C-alpha cells in the first residue's frame, strides 16, 4: 500500500542487510539516510560527473537543522529525539564559513557518503554543491557554477531501468549453504543453552548481555556461519533488546533471593518467546 503512489518501484539489494539469499552484487554505504542510498546507487552507475545537491550534512545555525517545512519541527521533543542534542563543528564546504554545525546522525551520514565516493576509486568526478559540511572526495562547487550542456537523459534512464530485471538463480544470487529454518532452529537451541543458569551469577549474566551473539554463533556448526549471512539478525536484535530490559529489572533486586527470582521469571518469559520464533519462507 505504501508504494501505491508510485508507477514503478525498484528494489535494491544491500550488502550489510539480512538478505534471504546470497546476492552476487549488492550496494554498500547505503545508510543511514535515503540520501546515502541514492548516492551509493548513483556512484555504482559510474557516470562521468555526479553533483550533490541538498546533502548538507550540517547547518549554520543551531536552531535550523532542516528546511522550515520539515516534520522535524513539529515540536521540541520530536526534534531532540530525531536529530539529537549535541552540536559538532566540522569543516564547511564553502570557504566563506570556516565551520558548520552537525550532529552525530548527520556526521555518520557524511562519513558514509565519503566512503561511497571513495569506493569508485576516482572513476566518477563528484561535485558538492551543498551549503553544508565538506565531503571528502567531492569538489566544492556553487550550483550557479555548474556548466550546463545539452543532454538527452532518456537513453541513460532506459539503461538504468533495464538493469532492474528479475534476478536469476545462479547468475544473480545463490542460496546460503543452510536453509533458514534449520539455521534458526540451531540458533534457538544454542541461545537457550547459553541463557540457562541453575544459580544466578552476576558475572555470567553480564557476559551474556555483552556477548550473547558471539557466544551463540560459536555453538553453530562451521558450515552454517557464512560471511555476509545476516538472516539471524532480526531475531538477534529482539533478543539483545530483551536482555537489556531483563538486566534493568535485575538491578532493582536487593539480595541473592530477589535476583534469583527475577532471573527465573525472566528466563521463563524469554524462553517462551524464543521457542515461538519461527521462519517464514517467502
Protein backbone atom coordinates (compact mmCIF):
# COMPACT_ATOMS: atom_id res chain seq x y z
CA UNK A 1 0.00 0.00 0.00
CA UNK A 2 2.81 2.45 0.81
CA UNK A 3 4.08 2.08 -2.78
CA UNK A 4 0.69 2.77 -4.38
CA UNK A 5 1.57 6.37 -5.26
CA UNK A 6 4.43 5.24 -7.48
CA UNK A 7 4.03 3.96 -11.01
CA UNK A 8 7.15 1.78 -10.74
CA UNK A 9 9.03 0.57 -7.66
CA UNK A 10 12.65 -0.54 -7.98
CA UNK A 11 14.21 -2.59 -5.20
CA UNK A 12 17.93 -2.55 -4.38
CA UNK A 13 20.00 -5.14 -2.53
CA UNK A 14 22.14 -4.02 0.41
CA UNK A 15 25.37 -5.75 1.31
CA UNK A 16 25.05 -5.23 5.06
CA UNK A 17 21.47 -6.45 5.50
CA UNK A 18 19.63 -9.68 6.37
CA UNK A 19 19.11 -10.89 2.81
CA UNK A 20 17.26 -14.21 2.25
CA UNK A 21 19.88 -15.37 -0.28
CA UNK A 22 23.49 -14.52 -1.14
CA UNK A 23 23.41 -11.82 -3.79
CA UNK A 24 26.41 -11.64 -6.12
CA UNK A 25 26.09 -7.86 -6.24
CA UNK A 26 24.77 -5.60 -3.51
CA UNK A 27 25.23 -1.95 -2.60
CA UNK A 28 27.40 -0.76 0.28
CA UNK A 29 27.37 2.55 2.20
CA UNK A 30 23.60 2.89 1.84
CA UNK A 31 22.76 4.15 5.33
CA UNK A 32 21.70 5.91 7.48
CA UNK A 33 19.72 8.28 5.20
CA UNK A 34 17.88 7.97 1.91
CA UNK A 35 20.46 10.42 0.56
CA UNK A 36 23.17 7.85 1.30
CA UNK A 37 21.19 5.19 -0.57
CA UNK A 38 20.75 7.49 -3.58
CA UNK A 39 24.45 8.42 -3.59
CA UNK A 40 25.58 4.79 -3.33
CA UNK A 41 23.35 3.83 -6.25
CA UNK A 42 24.46 6.82 -8.32
CA UNK A 43 28.14 6.03 -7.72
CA UNK A 44 27.60 2.45 -8.85
CA UNK A 45 26.08 3.71 -12.10
CA UNK A 46 29.52 5.23 -12.83
CA UNK A 47 28.50 8.49 -14.55
CA UNK A 48 31.26 10.83 -15.70
CA UNK A 49 30.09 13.51 -13.26
CA UNK A 50 27.95 13.50 -10.14
CA UNK A 51 26.53 16.58 -8.40
CA UNK A 52 25.48 16.61 -4.73
CA UNK A 53 22.55 18.98 -4.12
CA UNK A 54 20.83 19.20 -0.74
CA UNK A 55 23.17 16.75 1.00
CA UNK A 56 24.26 19.35 3.56
CA UNK A 57 25.19 17.05 6.48
CA UNK A 58 25.44 20.27 8.51
CA UNK A 59 23.86 23.63 9.25
CA UNK A 60 25.00 27.15 10.01
CA UNK A 61 22.53 27.95 12.79
CA UNK A 62 21.96 25.67 15.77
CA UNK A 63 18.19 26.13 15.72
CA UNK A 64 17.84 25.46 11.96
CA UNK A 65 18.87 21.90 11.19
CA UNK A 66 16.34 21.22 8.41
CA UNK A 67 14.24 23.09 5.88
CA UNK A 68 11.46 25.06 7.53
CA UNK A 69 8.74 22.67 6.30
CA UNK A 70 10.41 19.58 7.79
CA UNK A 71 8.46 17.27 10.08
CA UNK A 72 11.40 17.58 12.48
CA UNK A 73 9.98 20.90 13.73
CA UNK A 74 6.61 19.53 14.87
CA UNK A 75 7.67 20.04 18.47
CA UNK A 76 10.85 20.40 20.52
CA UNK A 77 10.72 16.85 21.92
CA UNK A 78 10.33 15.38 18.43
CA UNK A 79 13.28 17.44 17.18
CA UNK A 80 15.54 16.33 20.06
CA UNK A 81 14.56 12.69 19.71
CA UNK A 82 15.25 12.54 15.97
CA UNK A 83 18.15 14.94 15.47
CA UNK A 84 19.90 14.67 18.82
CA UNK A 85 21.22 17.31 21.20
CA UNK A 86 24.97 17.57 20.62
CA UNK A 87 26.36 20.04 18.11
CA UNK A 88 29.69 19.26 16.42
CA UNK A 89 31.72 21.83 14.43
CA UNK A 90 33.04 20.44 11.11
CA UNK A 91 34.75 22.00 8.12
CA UNK A 92 32.39 23.87 5.82
CA UNK A 93 32.05 23.01 2.14
CA UNK A 94 32.44 26.64 1.02
CA UNK A 95 35.26 28.89 2.21
CA UNK A 96 33.04 31.77 3.34
CA UNK A 97 32.32 29.82 6.52
CA UNK A 98 35.20 28.07 8.28
CA UNK A 99 32.93 25.59 10.03
CA UNK A 100 29.31 24.49 10.14
CA UNK A 101 27.49 22.57 12.85
CA UNK A 102 26.45 18.96 12.57
CA UNK A 103 25.04 16.24 14.80
CA UNK A 104 26.15 12.61 15.26
CA UNK A 105 23.44 11.28 12.92
CA UNK A 106 24.30 13.72 10.12
CA UNK A 107 28.02 13.25 10.69
CA UNK A 108 27.67 9.49 10.29
CA UNK A 109 25.75 10.10 7.07
CA UNK A 110 28.57 12.35 5.80
CA UNK A 111 31.21 9.73 6.60
CA UNK A 112 29.23 7.06 4.76
CA UNK A 113 28.89 9.40 1.77
CA UNK A 114 32.66 9.79 1.73
CA UNK A 115 33.06 6.01 1.71
CA UNK A 116 30.66 5.70 -1.22
CA UNK A 117 32.68 8.25 -3.19
CA UNK A 118 35.95 6.57 -2.23
CA UNK A 119 34.63 3.19 -3.39
CA UNK A 120 34.51 4.30 -7.05
CA UNK A 121 38.26 5.00 -6.88
CA UNK A 122 38.27 8.26 -8.83
CA UNK A 123 36.26 6.90 -11.76
CA UNK A 124 33.48 9.43 -11.09
CA UNK A 125 34.06 13.17 -10.75
CA UNK A 126 31.94 14.29 -7.78
CA UNK A 127 30.99 17.91 -7.08
CA UNK A 128 29.46 19.06 -3.78
CA UNK A 129 27.04 21.93 -4.44
CA UNK A 130 25.50 21.83 -0.95
CA UNK A 131 25.95 24.69 1.54
CA UNK A 132 26.89 22.48 4.45
CA UNK A 133 29.71 20.22 5.53
CA UNK A 134 32.76 19.44 3.42
CA UNK A 135 32.59 15.94 1.92
CA UNK A 136 35.96 14.32 1.28
CA UNK A 137 36.33 13.26 -2.35
CA UNK A 138 33.79 15.80 -3.62
CA UNK A 139 34.96 19.11 -5.09
CA UNK A 140 33.10 22.18 -3.72
CA UNK A 141 31.11 23.89 -6.48
CA UNK A 142 28.39 26.52 -6.32
CA UNK A 143 25.21 25.48 -8.10
CA UNK A 144 25.35 28.57 -10.34
CA UNK A 145 28.82 27.48 -11.48
CA UNK A 146 27.59 24.21 -12.99
CA UNK A 147 28.32 24.24 -16.70
CA UNK A 148 25.02 23.24 -18.27
CA UNK A 149 25.08 21.45 -21.59
CA UNK A 150 22.60 19.86 -23.96
CA UNK A 151 21.90 16.37 -22.69
CA UNK A 152 19.22 13.90 -23.63
CA UNK A 153 18.91 11.78 -20.50
CA UNK A 154 16.34 9.31 -21.83
CA UNK A 155 18.94 6.80 -23.06
CA UNK A 156 20.58 6.70 -19.63
CA UNK A 157 17.20 6.42 -17.89
CA UNK A 158 16.28 3.47 -20.11
CA UNK A 159 19.62 1.81 -19.39
CA UNK A 160 19.15 2.18 -15.62
CA UNK A 161 15.58 0.88 -15.78
CA UNK A 162 16.68 -2.11 -17.84
CA UNK A 163 19.07 -3.18 -15.09
CA UNK A 164 16.09 -3.80 -12.78
CA UNK A 165 15.13 -7.14 -14.29
CA UNK A 166 14.00 -10.28 -12.42
CA UNK A 167 17.02 -11.82 -10.68
CA UNK A 168 18.21 -15.19 -11.93
CA UNK A 169 19.35 -18.02 -9.65
CA UNK A 170 22.99 -18.84 -10.20
CA UNK A 171 23.62 -15.67 -12.19
CA UNK A 172 22.50 -13.02 -9.69
CA UNK A 173 22.13 -14.97 -6.47
CA UNK A 174 22.70 -18.33 -4.83
CA UNK A 175 21.21 -19.91 -1.70
CA UNK A 176 23.14 -19.98 1.55
CA UNK A 177 24.55 -23.42 2.49
CA UNK A 178 21.99 -23.93 5.28
CA UNK A 179 18.24 -23.42 5.00
CA UNK A 180 16.87 -20.59 7.14
CA UNK A 181 14.55 -22.80 9.17
CA UNK A 182 17.41 -25.13 10.13
CA UNK A 183 19.69 -22.20 10.95
CA UNK A 184 17.08 -20.63 13.22
CA UNK A 185 16.49 -23.96 14.98
CA UNK A 186 20.20 -24.26 15.79
CA UNK A 187 20.30 -20.64 16.95
CA UNK A 188 17.36 -21.12 19.30
CA UNK A 189 18.92 -24.23 20.81
CA UNK A 190 22.28 -22.52 21.34
CA UNK A 191 20.62 -19.42 22.77
CA UNK A 192 18.63 -21.35 25.38
CA UNK A 193 21.74 -23.24 26.44
CA UNK A 194 23.71 -20.03 26.94
CA UNK A 195 20.92 -18.34 28.93
CA UNK A 196 20.37 -21.26 31.32
CA UNK A 197 21.84 -20.99 34.84
CA UNK A 198 20.98 -23.14 37.87
CA UNK A 199 22.00 -20.30 40.16
CA UNK A 200 22.04 -16.68 39.10
CA UNK A 201 25.52 -15.23 38.69
CA UNK A 202 26.05 -11.53 38.00
CA UNK A 203 29.37 -12.01 36.23
CA UNK A 204 27.99 -14.66 33.88
CA UNK A 205 24.80 -12.73 33.19
CA UNK A 206 26.75 -9.53 32.40
CA UNK A 207 28.88 -11.56 29.98
CA UNK A 208 25.69 -12.85 28.32
CA UNK A 209 24.34 -9.30 27.88
CA UNK A 210 27.64 -8.12 26.39
CA UNK A 211 28.49 -11.10 24.17
CA UNK A 212 25.39 -13.22 23.53
CA UNK A 213 25.69 -13.09 19.72
CA UNK A 214 29.31 -14.29 19.74
CA UNK A 215 28.58 -16.94 22.39
CA UNK A 216 25.71 -18.47 20.40
CA UNK A 217 27.39 -18.27 16.98
CA UNK A 218 30.33 -20.22 18.38
CA UNK A 219 27.94 -23.08 19.09
CA UNK A 220 26.70 -23.29 15.50
CA UNK A 221 28.28 -25.74 13.01
CA UNK A 222 31.06 -24.12 10.97
CA UNK A 223 29.25 -24.66 7.66
CA UNK A 224 26.25 -22.68 8.91
CA UNK A 225 28.21 -19.49 9.64
CA UNK A 226 28.88 -17.84 6.29
CA UNK A 227 30.35 -14.37 5.78
CA UNK A 228 27.62 -11.92 4.82
CA UNK A 229 24.77 -14.13 6.08
CA UNK A 230 22.73 -11.85 8.34
CA UNK A 231 19.47 -13.78 8.27
CA UNK A 232 19.51 -14.22 12.05
CA UNK A 233 19.97 -10.50 12.73
CA UNK A 234 16.24 -9.65 13.20
CA UNK A 235 15.94 -12.39 15.82
CA UNK A 236 19.22 -11.41 17.48
CA UNK A 237 18.18 -7.77 17.68
CA UNK A 238 15.00 -8.68 19.58
CA UNK A 239 16.96 -10.87 21.99
CA UNK A 240 19.55 -8.13 22.63
CA UNK A 241 16.84 -5.60 23.49
CA UNK A 242 15.07 -8.01 25.85
CA UNK A 243 18.33 -8.92 27.59
CA UNK A 244 18.92 -5.24 28.34
CA UNK A 245 15.43 -4.92 29.82
CA UNK A 246 15.97 -8.10 31.84
CA UNK A 247 19.25 -6.69 33.16
CA UNK A 248 17.49 -3.48 34.24
CA UNK A 249 14.88 -5.42 36.21
CA UNK A 250 17.66 -7.37 37.94
CA UNK A 251 19.28 -4.10 39.02
CA UNK A 252 16.24 -3.38 41.22
CA UNK A 253 16.88 -6.52 43.26
CA UNK A 254 18.44 -6.13 46.70
CA UNK A 255 19.73 -9.60 47.51
CA UNK A 256 20.52 -13.02 46.02
CA UNK A 257 16.98 -14.31 46.63
CA UNK A 258 15.39 -11.45 44.66
CA UNK A 259 17.97 -11.72 41.88
CA UNK A 260 17.25 -15.45 41.55
CA UNK A 261 13.51 -14.80 41.37
CA UNK A 262 13.87 -12.13 38.69
CA UNK A 263 16.26 -14.34 36.74
CA UNK A 264 13.92 -17.35 36.80
CA UNK A 265 10.85 -15.37 35.74
CA UNK A 266 12.85 -13.62 33.04
CA UNK A 267 14.22 -16.90 31.72
CA UNK A 268 10.73 -18.44 31.51
CA UNK A 269 9.37 -15.42 29.61
CA UNK A 270 12.31 -15.17 27.21
CA UNK A 271 12.47 -18.93 26.65
CA UNK A 272 8.79 -18.93 25.68
CA UNK A 273 9.39 -16.14 23.19
CA UNK A 274 12.44 -17.92 21.75
CA UNK A 275 10.50 -21.15 21.31
CA UNK A 276 7.82 -19.19 19.47
CA UNK A 277 10.32 -17.77 16.94
CA UNK A 278 9.67 -19.22 13.53
CA UNK A 279 10.95 -18.95 9.98
CA UNK A 280 8.69 -17.84 7.16
CA UNK A 281 9.88 -18.68 3.66
CA UNK A 282 8.84 -16.08 1.08
